[in-house]
Protein backbone atom coordinates (compact mmCIF):
# COMPACT_ATOMS: atom_id res chain seq x y z
CA MET A 1 5.31 -9.89 9.72
CA ILE A 2 1.45 -10.75 10.09
CA ASN A 3 0.96 -6.82 9.78
CA ILE A 4 2.82 -7.03 6.47
CA LEU A 5 1.41 -10.24 4.99
CA VAL A 6 -2.35 -9.52 5.73
CA PRO A 7 -2.53 -6.38 3.80
CA LEU A 8 -0.45 -7.63 1.02
CA ILE A 9 -2.69 -10.61 0.51
CA ILE A 10 -6.10 -8.74 0.91
CA VAL A 11 -5.29 -6.05 -1.31
CA PHE A 12 -3.78 -8.41 -3.97
CA LEU A 13 -7.03 -10.47 -3.95
CA LEU A 14 -9.05 -7.40 -4.17
CA GLN A 15 -7.15 -6.01 -6.97
CA LEU A 16 -7.43 -9.33 -9.01
CA ILE A 17 -11.07 -9.35 -8.43
CA PHE A 18 -12.02 -5.76 -8.90
CA TYR A 19 -9.02 -4.29 -10.59
CA SER A 20 -8.96 -0.87 -8.76
CA TRP A 21 -6.04 0.98 -7.31
CA TRP A 22 -8.13 2.46 -4.43
CA TRP A 23 -8.00 -0.62 -2.43
CA ILE A 24 -4.64 0.35 -1.17
CA ILE A 25 -6.42 3.09 0.70
CA LEU A 26 -9.50 1.19 1.96
CA VAL A 27 -7.86 -1.98 3.06
CA PRO A 28 -5.15 -0.04 5.24
CA LEU A 29 -7.86 2.28 6.64
CA VAL A 30 -9.78 -0.72 7.99
CA LEU A 31 -6.86 -2.56 9.17
CA GLY A 32 -5.51 0.58 10.96
CA PHE A 33 -8.94 0.90 12.55
CA LEU A 34 -8.86 -2.56 13.83
CA GLU A 35 -5.18 -2.17 15.15
CA LYS A 36 -5.31 -1.44 18.95
CA ASP A 37 -1.52 -1.46 19.98
CA SER A 38 0.36 1.16 18.08
CA ALA A 39 0.14 3.63 15.15
CA LEU A 40 3.49 2.28 14.00
CA LYS A 41 2.04 -1.19 13.60
CA ALA A 42 -1.08 0.27 11.86
CA SER A 43 0.64 2.30 9.53
CA ALA A 44 4.03 0.98 8.67
CA GLY A 45 2.81 -2.87 8.46
CA THR A 46 0.13 -1.68 5.96
CA GLY A 47 2.57 0.50 4.08
CA LEU A 48 5.35 -2.29 3.77
CA GLY A 49 2.58 -4.76 2.49
CA VAL A 50 1.35 -2.50 -0.31
CA PHE A 51 4.83 -1.53 -1.07
CA LEU A 52 5.94 -5.05 -1.58
CA LEU A 53 2.88 -5.74 -3.51
CA TRP A 54 3.09 -2.93 -5.96
CA PHE A 55 6.78 -3.20 -6.25
CA GLY A 56 6.53 -6.67 -6.86
CA MET A 57 3.79 -6.33 -9.47
CA ALA A 58 5.60 -3.52 -11.21
CA ILE A 59 8.92 -5.79 -11.69
CA TYR A 60 6.76 -8.75 -12.74
CA GLN A 61 5.02 -6.45 -15.40
CA TRP A 62 8.34 -5.02 -16.43
CA LYS A 63 10.08 -8.31 -16.70
CA SER A 64 7.11 -10.39 -18.52
CA GLY A 65 6.66 -8.44 -21.81
CA GLY A 66 6.58 -4.84 -20.68
CA GLU A 67 10.16 -3.96 -21.42
CA ILE A 68 9.65 -1.64 -24.08
CA ILE A 69 6.72 0.52 -22.53
CA VAL A 70 8.43 0.63 -19.11
CA THR A 71 11.69 1.81 -20.62
CA ARG A 72 9.92 4.48 -22.62
CA ILE A 73 7.82 5.53 -19.60
CA ALA A 74 11.07 5.59 -17.55
CA GLU A 75 12.85 7.85 -20.26
CA VAL A 76 10.19 10.27 -20.39
CA MET A 77 9.80 10.70 -16.58
CA GLY A 78 13.49 10.93 -16.31
CA ALA A 79 13.76 7.75 -14.12
CA GLY A 80 16.58 6.30 -16.06
CA SER A 81 15.55 2.60 -15.90
CA GLY A 82 12.59 0.33 -15.38
CA PHE A 83 13.79 -0.68 -11.73
CA VAL A 84 13.78 2.97 -10.67
CA LEU A 85 10.23 3.30 -11.94
CA ALA A 86 9.18 0.15 -10.36
CA LEU A 87 10.61 1.36 -7.04
CA ALA A 88 8.79 4.91 -7.49
CA THR A 89 5.49 2.93 -8.06
CA GLY A 90 5.94 0.95 -4.81
CA LEU A 91 7.03 4.17 -2.88
CA VAL A 92 3.67 5.82 -3.97
CA GLY A 93 1.79 2.79 -2.80
CA PHE A 94 3.73 2.77 0.40
CA LEU A 95 3.05 6.44 1.13
CA VAL A 96 -0.65 6.19 0.56
CA ALA A 97 -1.25 3.00 2.58
CA LEU A 98 0.99 4.57 5.43
CA ILE A 99 -1.26 7.41 5.47
CA ALA A 100 -4.46 5.44 5.43
CA GLY A 101 -3.29 2.98 7.92
CA TYR A 102 -2.56 5.96 10.39
CA ALA A 103 -5.68 7.51 9.72
CA GLY A 104 -7.59 4.47 10.38
CA PHE A 105 -5.73 4.22 13.67
CA SER A 106 -6.31 7.83 14.66
CA LEU A 107 -9.98 7.63 13.70
CA ARG A 108 -10.31 4.59 16.15
CA LYS A 109 -8.75 6.71 18.90
CA VAL A 110 -10.93 9.64 18.23
CA LEU A 111 -14.13 7.30 18.28
CA ILE A 112 -13.33 5.12 20.95
CA LYS A 113 -12.52 8.13 23.07
CA GLU A 114 -15.61 10.09 22.21
CA TYR A 115 -17.96 7.18 23.33
CA GLN A 116 -16.18 6.06 26.44
CA ILE A 117 -18.13 6.54 29.59
CA SER A 118 -16.47 8.29 32.43
């Protein structure tokens, strides 16, 4: 649970302060690098945290005054409804954070193995 909440809170705060989407790459990369146990914890935890954040933000923006634009964008993209569009937004964030978390974990494995004294 902590592997999901930490990236969710950190990315949320950084997106509020700096308002940039690429925090979903940098934060999972760093958290994946710091994870020592398994690649699953490093990647799935950060992926789920970012999914919940982006899906929740998309639903919030859709329901708090963005119904017209979200519905029109969903129709143009062939998504059908705003909920499907919000789900797609969350899935994009999930995939990007999943890959970044795994890359951070793999980077740690490579660097630690390279500098170990035999």
